[in-house]
N, C-alpha and C. Protein backbone atom coordinates (compact mmCIF):
# COMPACT_ATOMS: atom_id res chain seq x y z
N MET A 1 0.83 -1.37 -0.29
CA MET A 1 0.07 -0.09 -0.04
C MET A 1 1.04 1.04 -0.22
N SER A 2 1.69 1.35 0.83
CA SER A 2 2.63 2.74 1.23
C SER A 2 3.52 2.57 2.03
N GLU A 3 4.34 3.28 1.89
CA GLU A 3 5.76 2.82 3.03
C GLU A 3 6.26 4.34 3.54
N THR A 4 6.46 4.28 5.09
CA THR A 4 6.54 5.27 6.01
C THR A 4 8.30 5.60 5.55
N PRO A 5 8.70 6.80 5.90
CA PRO A 5 10.09 7.54 6.02
C PRO A 5 11.12 6.14 6.11
N ASP A 6 10.16 5.80 7.49
CA ASP A 6 11.07 4.71 8.55
C ASP A 6 11.00 3.38 7.69
N GLY A 7 10.93 3.14 6.44
CA GLY A 7 10.73 1.90 6.17
C GLY A 7 9.46 0.66 6.50
N VAL A 8 8.81 1.62 6.96
CA VAL A 8 7.44 0.99 7.48
C VAL A 8 6.21 0.68 6.43
N GLU A 9 5.80 -0.37 5.99
CA GLU A 9 4.62 -0.63 5.26
C GLU A 9 3.21 -1.02 5.56
N ILE A 10 2.94 0.09 5.15
CA ILE A 10 1.21 0.01 5.50
C ILE A 10 0.30 -0.65 4.44
N ARG A 11 -0.54 -1.76 5.01
CA ARG A 11 -0.70 -2.42 3.91
C ARG A 11 -1.85 -2.95 4.54
N PRO A 12 -2.99 -3.58 3.86
CA PRO A 12 -4.30 -4.00 4.52
C PRO A 12 -3.97 -5.60 5.52
N TYR A 13 -4.75 -5.51 6.48
CA TYR A 13 -4.75 -6.58 7.59
C TYR A 13 -4.91 -7.77 6.32
N ASP A 14 -4.03 -9.20 6.97
CA ASP A 14 -4.34 -10.35 6.67
C ASP A 14 -4.44 -11.32 7.64
N SER A 15 -5.20 -12.57 7.16
CA SER A 15 -5.57 -13.05 8.75
C SER A 15 -4.25 -13.83 9.43
N SER A 16 -2.73 -13.98 8.88
CA SER A 16 -1.64 -13.96 8.76
C SER A 16 -1.52 -13.29 10.32
N ASP A 17 -1.63 -12.39 10.10
CA ASP A 17 -1.53 -11.11 10.74
C ASP A 17 -2.02 -11.35 12.36
N ALA A 18 -2.95 -12.04 12.80
CA ALA A 18 -4.13 -12.29 14.00
C ALA A 18 -2.89 -12.21 15.34
N ASP A 19 -1.99 -13.24 15.38
CA ASP A 19 -1.22 -13.25 16.78
C ASP A 19 -0.48 -11.73 16.98
N ALA A 20 0.11 -11.11 15.79
CA ALA A 20 1.00 -9.81 16.26
C ALA A 20 -0.16 -8.77 16.13
N PHE A 21 -1.22 -8.59 15.51
CA PHE A 21 -2.48 -7.69 15.64
C PHE A 21 -2.78 -7.85 16.94
N TRP A 22 -3.17 -9.04 17.43
CA TRP A 22 -3.56 -8.99 19.04
C TRP A 22 -2.34 -8.53 20.09
N GLU A 23 -1.35 -8.44 19.66
CA GLU A 23 -0.47 -8.16 20.81
C GLU A 23 -0.74 -6.44 20.96
N LEU A 24 -0.97 -5.86 19.41
CA LEU A 24 -1.22 -4.40 19.52
C LEU A 24 -2.59 -4.38 20.11
N LYS A 25 -3.66 -5.11 19.73
CA LYS A 25 -5.04 -4.74 20.42
C LYS A 25 -4.93 -4.52 21.95
N ARG A 26 -3.68 -5.86 22.54
CA ARG A 26 -3.83 -5.72 23.76
C ARG A 26 -3.23 -4.32 24.39
N GLY A 27 -2.28 -3.71 23.58
CA GLY A 27 -1.54 -2.65 23.99
C GLY A 27 -2.81 -1.70 23.71
N PHE A 28 -3.40 -1.65 22.70
CA PHE A 28 -4.42 -0.62 22.68
C PHE A 28 -4.98 -0.39 24.07
N GLU A 29 -5.95 -1.75 24.08
CA GLU A 29 -6.82 -1.94 25.55
C GLU A 29 -6.10 -1.33 27.02
N LEU A 30 -5.02 -1.78 27.02
CA LEU A 30 -4.51 -1.61 28.42
C LEU A 30 -3.80 -0.32 28.32
N GLY A 31 -3.55 0.72 27.17
CA GLY A 31 -3.24 1.77 27.62
C GLY A 31 -4.60 3.10 27.67
N ILE A 32 -5.70 2.32 27.26
CA ILE A 32 -6.56 3.03 27.79
C ILE A 32 -7.04 2.71 29.21
N GLY A 33 -6.84 2.03 29.53
CA GLY A 33 -6.86 1.46 30.83
C GLY A 33 -6.12 2.00 32.02
N GLU A 34 -4.88 2.01 31.33
CA GLU A 34 -4.03 2.79 32.57
C GLU A 34 -3.85 4.37 32.09
N GLY A 35 -3.71 4.40 30.87
CA GLY A 35 -3.40 6.19 30.76
C GLY A 35 -4.41 6.99 30.62
N THR A 36 -6.14 6.65 30.92
CA THR A 36 -7.09 7.73 31.07
C THR A 36 -7.97 7.09 32.23
N GLY A 37 -7.71 6.38 33.28
CA GLY A 37 -8.58 6.14 34.30
C GLY A 37 -7.66 5.98 35.73
N GLY A 38 -8.38 5.51 36.53
CA GLY A 38 -7.71 4.60 37.73
C GLY A 38 -7.62 3.52 38.00
N ASP A 39 -7.07 2.82 38.42
CA ASP A 39 -6.82 1.55 38.76
C ASP A 39 -8.56 0.55 38.34
N ASP A 40 -9.70 1.31 38.73
CA ASP A 40 -10.79 0.59 38.25
C ASP A 40 -10.58 0.44 36.63
N LYS A 41 -10.54 1.55 35.94
CA LYS A 41 -10.84 1.38 34.78
C LYS A 41 -9.60 0.34 33.90
N LEU A 42 -8.35 0.71 34.48
CA LEU A 42 -7.32 -0.77 34.24
C LEU A 42 -7.88 -1.96 34.38
N SER A 43 -8.24 -2.22 35.47
CA SER A 43 -8.63 -3.65 36.02
C SER A 43 -9.88 -4.07 35.11
N LYS A 44 -10.65 -3.09 34.70
CA LYS A 44 -11.99 -3.69 34.16
C LYS A 44 -11.24 -4.10 32.51
N TYR A 45 -10.36 -2.97 31.99
CA TYR A 45 -10.19 -3.64 30.54
C TYR A 45 -8.84 -4.92 30.46
N GLU A 46 -8.23 -5.06 31.45
CA GLU A 46 -7.54 -6.09 31.67
C GLU A 46 -8.37 -7.50 31.99
N ALA A 47 -9.76 -7.12 32.42
CA ALA A 47 -10.80 -8.26 32.56
C ALA A 47 -11.10 -8.99 31.24
N LYS A 48 -11.35 -7.86 30.61
CA LYS A 48 -12.09 -8.00 29.15
C LYS A 48 -10.96 -9.24 28.26
N LEU A 49 -9.97 -8.92 28.48
CA LEU A 49 -8.65 -9.20 27.44
C LEU A 49 -8.48 -11.01 27.61
N THR A 50 -9.60 -11.91 27.57
CA THR A 50 -9.56 -13.17 27.60
C THR A 50 -9.49 -14.06 26.65
N ASP A 51 -9.04 -15.49 26.50
CA ASP A 51 -8.86 -16.12 25.46
C ASP A 51 -10.24 -15.92 24.38
N ASP A 52 -11.34 -15.87 25.09
CA ASP A 52 -12.69 -15.99 24.47
C ASP A 52 -12.87 -14.44 23.47
N TYR A 53 -12.51 -13.37 24.27
CA TYR A 53 -12.75 -11.97 23.95
C TYR A 53 -11.65 -12.19 22.59
N ARG A 54 -10.54 -12.73 22.92
CA ARG A 54 -9.46 -12.55 21.75
C ARG A 54 -9.97 -13.57 20.44
N ALA A 55 -10.58 -14.69 20.83
CA ALA A 55 -11.26 -15.16 19.73
C ALA A 55 -12.05 -14.33 18.72
N ARG A 56 -12.99 -14.28 19.26
CA ARG A 56 -14.40 -13.43 19.42
C ARG A 56 -13.41 -12.05 18.23
N TYR A 57 -12.96 -11.52 18.70
CA TYR A 57 -12.67 -10.10 18.52
C TYR A 57 -12.06 -10.74 16.78
N LEU A 58 -10.87 -11.11 16.76
CA LEU A 58 -10.06 -11.41 16.03
C LEU A 58 -11.09 -12.13 14.63
N SER A 59 -11.80 -12.79 14.84
CA SER A 59 -12.91 -13.14 14.41
C SER A 59 -14.07 -11.90 13.41
N TRP A 60 -13.99 -11.39 14.47
CA TRP A 60 -15.06 -9.60 13.77
C TRP A 60 -13.92 -9.25 12.71
N VAL A 61 -12.83 -8.85 13.33
CA VAL A 61 -11.68 -8.36 12.54
C VAL A 61 -11.68 -8.75 11.17
N ALA A 62 -11.65 -10.18 11.29
CA ALA A 62 -11.20 -10.86 9.84
C ALA A 62 -12.82 -10.75 8.86
N ARG A 63 -13.58 -10.84 9.69
CA ARG A 63 -15.14 -10.66 8.73
C ARG A 63 -14.93 -9.26 8.35
N CYS A 64 -14.78 -8.17 9.25
CA CYS A 64 -14.57 -6.89 8.70
C CYS A 64 -13.63 -6.93 7.31
N ALA A 65 -12.39 -7.10 7.46
CA ALA A 65 -11.60 -7.36 6.66
C ALA A 65 -11.79 -7.64 5.09
N THR A 66 -12.39 -8.88 5.46
CA THR A 66 -12.85 -9.28 4.18
C THR A 66 -14.33 -8.70 3.69
N ASP A 67 -15.29 -7.98 4.46
CA ASP A 67 -16.32 -7.58 3.88
C ASP A 67 -15.59 -6.66 3.16
N ASP A 68 -15.26 -5.66 3.70
CA ASP A 68 -14.58 -4.20 3.26
C ASP A 68 -12.96 -3.90 3.08
N PRO A 69 -12.27 -4.68 2.16
CA PRO A 69 -10.99 -4.66 2.10
C PRO A 69 -10.38 -3.21 2.32
N GLY A 70 -9.26 -3.28 3.06
CA GLY A 70 -9.00 -1.98 3.33
C GLY A 70 -9.38 -1.13 4.51
N CYS A 71 -10.75 -1.32 5.51
CA CYS A 71 -11.22 -0.85 6.60
C CYS A 71 -10.07 -1.54 7.76
N VAL A 72 -9.06 -2.37 7.75
CA VAL A 72 -8.13 -2.44 8.61
C VAL A 72 -6.86 -2.56 7.98
N VAL A 73 -6.15 -1.84 8.22
CA VAL A 73 -4.88 -1.83 7.69
C VAL A 73 -3.61 -1.76 9.05
N VAL A 74 -2.56 -2.36 8.81
CA VAL A 74 -1.44 -2.45 9.55
C VAL A 74 -0.21 -1.95 8.95
N ALA A 75 0.33 -1.87 10.05
CA ALA A 75 1.86 -1.27 10.09
C ALA A 75 3.16 -2.10 10.25
N ASP A 76 3.57 -2.57 9.36
CA ASP A 76 4.63 -3.83 9.13
C ASP A 76 5.67 -3.32 9.10
N ASP A 77 6.99 -3.51 9.99
CA ASP A 77 8.25 -3.22 10.01
C ASP A 77 9.11 -3.93 9.26
N GLY A 78 8.41 -5.29 8.54
CA GLY A 78 9.09 -6.44 8.11
C GLY A 78 9.59 -7.13 8.51
N GLU A 79 9.23 -7.17 10.22
CA GLU A 79 9.69 -8.13 11.26
C GLU A 79 8.73 -8.49 12.19
N THR A 80 7.41 -7.69 12.20
CA THR A 80 6.31 -7.67 12.84
C THR A 80 5.48 -6.44 12.72
N LEU A 81 4.07 -6.55 13.13
CA LEU A 81 3.17 -5.08 12.97
C LEU A 81 3.85 -4.39 14.33
N VAL A 82 3.64 -2.98 13.80
CA VAL A 82 4.08 -2.15 15.09
C VAL A 82 2.93 -1.13 15.04
N GLY A 83 1.72 -1.27 14.60
CA GLY A 83 0.36 -0.44 14.41
C GLY A 83 -0.54 -0.88 13.52
N TYR A 84 -1.61 -0.42 13.73
CA TYR A 84 -2.92 -0.82 13.06
C TYR A 84 -3.87 0.37 13.07
N ALA A 85 -5.01 0.70 12.23
CA ALA A 85 -5.85 1.51 12.18
C ALA A 85 -7.33 0.40 11.69
N PHE A 86 -8.09 0.77 12.34
CA PHE A 86 -9.60 0.32 11.57
C PHE A 86 -10.75 1.08 12.03
N VAL A 87 -11.12 1.37 10.38
CA VAL A 87 -12.34 1.98 10.14
C VAL A 87 -13.45 1.03 9.97
N LEU A 88 -14.55 0.73 10.81
CA LEU A 88 -15.76 0.34 10.75
C LEU A 88 -16.15 -0.12 9.03
N PRO A 89 -16.65 -1.40 8.68
CA PRO A 89 -16.92 -1.21 7.07
C PRO A 89 -17.65 -0.58 6.90
N GLU A 90 -18.03 0.05 5.71
CA GLU A 90 -18.91 0.73 5.49
C GLU A 90 -20.96 0.33 5.47
N GLU A 91 -20.98 -1.03 5.62
CA GLU A 91 -22.08 -1.67 5.95
C GLU A 91 -22.97 -1.27 7.18
N MET A 92 -21.54 -0.61 8.23
CA MET A 92 -22.14 0.00 9.60
C MET A 92 -22.07 1.41 10.05
N THR A 93 -21.81 1.95 8.71
CA THR A 93 -21.87 3.42 8.60
C THR A 93 -22.72 4.14 9.18
N PHE A 94 -24.70 3.36 9.32
CA PHE A 94 -25.27 3.80 10.02
C PHE A 94 -25.45 4.04 11.02
N ILE A 95 -24.61 3.61 11.64
CA ILE A 95 -24.40 3.43 13.19
C ILE A 95 -24.30 5.20 13.51
N TRP A 96 -23.63 5.70 12.98
CA TRP A 96 -23.34 7.31 13.27
C TRP A 96 -23.32 8.01 12.33
N ASP A 97 -24.03 7.55 10.60
CA ASP A 97 -24.38 8.27 9.93
C ASP A 97 -23.03 8.51 8.80
N ALA A 98 -21.89 7.85 9.22
CA ALA A 98 -20.59 8.62 8.84
C ALA A 98 -19.75 7.33 9.24
N ALA A 99 -18.32 7.60 8.53
CA ALA A 99 -17.37 6.39 8.51
C ALA A 99 -16.83 6.72 10.12
N VAL A 100 -16.90 5.41 10.71
CA VAL A 100 -16.22 5.56 11.95
C VAL A 100 -14.69 4.99 12.45
N LEU A 101 -13.73 5.66 12.71
CA LEU A 101 -12.85 5.29 13.43
C LEU A 101 -12.62 4.43 14.24
N ASN A 102 -12.89 3.42 14.26
CA ASN A 102 -13.03 2.05 15.65
C ASN A 102 -11.96 2.47 16.31
N GLU A 103 -10.46 2.13 15.94
CA GLU A 103 -9.15 2.15 16.38
C GLU A 103 -8.06 2.64 15.82
N LEU A 104 -7.11 3.12 16.59
CA LEU A 104 -5.83 3.21 15.89
C LEU A 104 -4.74 3.66 16.80
N PHE A 105 -4.22 2.27 16.30
CA PHE A 105 -2.97 2.09 17.61
C PHE A 105 -1.29 1.97 17.13
N LEU A 106 -0.77 2.58 17.63
CA LEU A 106 0.91 2.34 17.48
C LEU A 106 1.64 2.08 18.74
N ALA A 107 2.55 1.09 18.60
CA ALA A 107 3.49 0.70 19.40
C ALA A 107 4.70 1.65 19.84
N PRO A 108 4.32 1.77 21.10
CA PRO A 108 5.15 3.30 21.70
C PRO A 108 6.51 3.50 20.93
N ASP A 109 7.40 2.63 20.71
CA ASP A 109 8.98 2.52 19.71
C ASP A 109 8.21 3.57 18.63
N TYR A 110 7.53 3.64 18.17
CA TYR A 110 7.31 3.91 16.13
C TYR A 110 6.36 5.44 16.68
N ARG A 111 6.08 5.74 18.03
CA ARG A 111 5.22 7.20 18.22
C ARG A 111 6.34 8.56 17.88
N GLY A 112 5.88 9.17 16.95
CA GLY A 112 6.75 10.39 16.74
C GLY A 112 7.60 10.20 15.15
N SER A 113 7.26 9.12 14.67
CA SER A 113 8.32 8.79 13.59
C SER A 113 7.26 8.68 12.32
N GLY A 114 6.00 9.33 12.40
CA GLY A 114 5.57 9.35 10.91
C GLY A 114 4.61 8.20 10.57
N VAL A 115 4.60 7.33 11.21
CA VAL A 115 3.84 6.18 11.48
C VAL A 115 2.54 6.23 11.17
N ALA A 116 1.92 6.65 12.26
CA ALA A 116 0.64 6.94 12.85
C ALA A 116 0.16 8.24 11.64
N ASP A 117 0.52 9.05 11.03
CA ASP A 117 0.45 9.84 10.01
C ASP A 117 0.05 9.33 8.71
N GLU A 118 0.59 7.85 8.56
CA GLU A 118 0.55 6.96 7.50
C GLU A 118 -0.46 6.36 7.66
N LEU A 119 -0.74 5.68 8.85
CA LEU A 119 -1.90 4.95 9.16
C LEU A 119 -3.25 5.99 9.13
N MET A 120 -3.08 7.19 9.59
CA MET A 120 -4.26 7.97 9.19
C MET A 120 -4.76 8.24 8.18
N GLU A 121 -3.79 8.39 7.02
CA GLU A 121 -3.81 8.94 5.79
C GLU A 121 -4.87 7.74 4.85
N ALA A 122 -4.03 6.46 5.63
CA ALA A 122 -4.77 5.37 5.08
C ALA A 122 -6.23 4.71 5.73
N VAL A 123 -6.60 5.60 6.53
CA VAL A 123 -7.83 5.27 6.97
C VAL A 123 -8.86 6.84 6.55
N LEU A 124 -8.27 8.14 6.13
CA LEU A 124 -9.09 8.90 5.38
C LEU A 124 -9.29 8.54 3.91
N ASP A 125 -8.12 7.39 3.31
CA ASP A 125 -8.72 7.23 2.00
C ASP A 125 -9.34 6.26 1.97
N HIS A 126 -9.67 5.23 2.81
CA HIS A 126 -10.63 4.05 2.97
C HIS A 126 -12.12 4.83 3.46
N ALA A 127 -11.92 5.95 4.08
CA ALA A 127 -13.19 6.58 4.63
C ALA A 127 -13.99 7.22 3.78
N ARG A 128 -13.00 7.79 2.36
CA ARG A 128 -13.34 9.02 1.29
C ARG A 128 -14.10 7.58 0.41
N SER A 129 -13.69 6.32 0.48
CA SER A 129 -14.13 5.10 -0.73
C SER A 129 -15.56 4.93 -0.09
N GLN A 130 -15.59 5.19 1.03
CA GLN A 130 -17.12 4.19 1.47
C GLN A 130 -18.51 5.73 1.30
N ASP A 131 -19.46 4.99 0.94
CA ASP A 131 -20.96 5.80 0.52
C ASP A 131 -21.24 5.68 1.87
N LEU A 132 -21.56 7.11 2.33
CA LEU A 132 -21.74 7.90 3.19
C LEU A 132 -22.61 8.41 3.19
N PRO A 133 -23.70 8.53 4.53
CA PRO A 133 -24.90 9.14 4.82
C PRO A 133 -24.38 10.94 4.93
N LEU A 134 -23.07 11.01 5.73
CA LEU A 134 -22.42 12.16 5.95
C LEU A 134 -21.20 12.00 5.55
N ASP A 135 -20.71 12.90 4.85
CA ASP A 135 -19.43 12.82 4.80
C ASP A 135 -18.12 13.09 5.75
N ARG A 136 -18.33 12.38 6.84
CA ARG A 136 -17.49 12.49 7.72
C ARG A 136 -16.88 11.42 8.51
N LEU A 137 -15.71 11.67 9.37
CA LEU A 137 -15.10 10.50 9.75
C LEU A 137 -15.04 10.99 11.22
N VAL A 138 -15.74 10.07 12.02
CA VAL A 138 -15.98 9.92 13.33
C VAL A 138 -15.36 9.39 14.57
N LEU A 139 -15.07 9.56 15.76
CA LEU A 139 -14.17 8.57 16.59
C LEU A 139 -14.68 9.02 18.08
N ASP A 140 -14.04 8.02 18.99
CA ASP A 140 -14.38 8.41 20.70
C ASP A 140 -13.07 8.14 20.73
N VAL A 141 -12.56 9.29 21.59
CA VAL A 141 -11.20 9.71 21.89
C VAL A 141 -11.23 10.20 23.15
N ASP A 142 -10.70 9.55 24.78
CA ASP A 142 -11.09 9.68 25.75
C ASP A 142 -10.87 11.31 26.27
N GLU A 143 -10.75 12.19 26.75
CA GLU A 143 -10.44 13.62 26.81
C GLU A 143 -9.15 13.53 27.77
N ALA A 144 -9.08 12.48 28.71
CA ALA A 144 -8.08 12.35 29.16
C ALA A 144 -6.71 11.98 28.59
N ASN A 145 -6.71 11.41 27.34
CA ASN A 145 -5.57 10.76 26.66
C ASN A 145 -4.97 12.00 25.39
N ASP A 146 -4.49 12.66 26.19
CA ASP A 146 -3.88 14.04 25.39
C ASP A 146 -3.15 13.90 24.48
N ARG A 147 -2.17 12.74 24.50
CA ARG A 147 -1.53 12.81 23.11
C ARG A 147 -2.38 11.82 21.63
N ALA A 148 -3.14 11.56 22.12
CA ALA A 148 -4.56 11.23 20.86
C ALA A 148 -5.29 12.16 20.63
N ARG A 149 -5.48 12.93 21.52
CA ARG A 149 -6.13 14.80 21.00
C ARG A 149 -5.56 15.42 20.38
N ALA A 150 -4.30 15.41 21.03
CA ALA A 150 -3.52 16.31 19.87
C ALA A 150 -3.46 15.75 18.45
N PHE A 151 -2.89 14.78 18.41
CA PHE A 151 -3.12 14.05 17.22
C PHE A 151 -4.04 14.11 16.16
N TYR A 152 -5.55 13.97 16.80
CA TYR A 152 -6.71 14.15 16.03
C TYR A 152 -6.70 15.61 15.59
N ASP A 153 -6.24 16.25 17.01
CA ASP A 153 -6.50 17.91 16.48
C ASP A 153 -5.82 18.31 15.09
N ARG A 154 -4.11 17.74 14.74
CA ARG A 154 -3.41 18.10 13.54
C ARG A 154 -4.60 17.64 12.56
N TYR A 155 -5.39 16.58 12.63
CA TYR A 155 -6.00 16.36 11.34
C TYR A 155 -7.50 17.42 11.56
N GLY A 156 -7.21 18.28 12.15
CA GLY A 156 -9.09 18.90 12.27
C GLY A 156 -10.05 18.17 12.37
N PHE A 157 -10.14 17.19 13.48
CA PHE A 157 -11.24 16.66 14.35
C PHE A 157 -11.87 17.74 15.01
N ASP A 158 -12.66 17.90 15.13
CA ASP A 158 -13.42 18.72 16.44
C ASP A 158 -14.58 18.34 16.89
N HIS A 159 -15.01 19.00 18.21
CA HIS A 159 -15.90 18.43 18.82
C HIS A 159 -17.28 18.14 18.02
N TRP A 160 -17.81 17.09 18.14
CA TRP A 160 -19.34 16.76 17.54
C TRP A 160 -20.38 16.03 18.21
N GLY A 161 -20.68 16.33 19.07
CA GLY A 161 -21.72 15.84 19.90
C GLY A 161 -20.89 15.15 21.05
N GLU A 162 -21.33 14.27 22.12
CA GLU A 162 -20.69 13.69 23.12
C GLU A 162 -21.03 12.51 23.55
N LEU A 163 -20.57 11.68 23.18
CA LEU A 163 -20.64 9.96 23.85
C LEU A 163 -20.55 9.91 25.46
N VAL A 164 -21.75 9.39 25.91
CA VAL A 164 -21.91 9.26 27.27
C VAL A 164 -22.02 7.44 27.73
N ALA A 165 -21.66 7.16 28.80
CA ALA A 165 -21.92 5.76 28.90
C ALA A 165 -22.49 5.37 30.31
N ARG A 166 -22.89 4.20 30.48
CA ARG A 166 -23.25 3.88 31.76
C ARG A 166 -23.08 1.88 31.76
N ASP A 167 -22.89 1.76 32.90
CA ASP A 167 -22.78 0.42 32.97
C ASP A 167 -24.25 -0.29 32.81
N LEU A 168 -24.12 -1.52 32.75
CA LEU A 168 -25.67 -2.58 32.24
C LEU A 168 -25.67 -3.12 33.21
């Protein structure tokens, strides 16, 4: 697909990426729990990372990548995956009437290298290719995640509603 200045290739997800992809997903989830909340939040995110969750999540990723090729892209340094971005498939655009950036994650050693920018460009290209009710890309970012908020600010994201949640 494309290559970053550091020689990292941005390419579509393949099912052979599952193990390395899962390790990144764990980093994403634990980073949310650790970096944006107290011990209670971290323990909740850690608790969900079971073998069953892994199997279900990776099955869903594979289905999404099959149904809408390019909605899941990975950053591959030639040895392992160092990041990924996941736009929900076009069939799910009616959830928010827009393209939805579900997740974007980069291994800490690659932050600041330009790889996240390449992932975001792949996300934007893919979102533009979707048939959307509204030509928008939306995402949920924790207000306490200053690094992520600064990254999305650079790309012109602004406040568009408010996501609220409650326990079931």
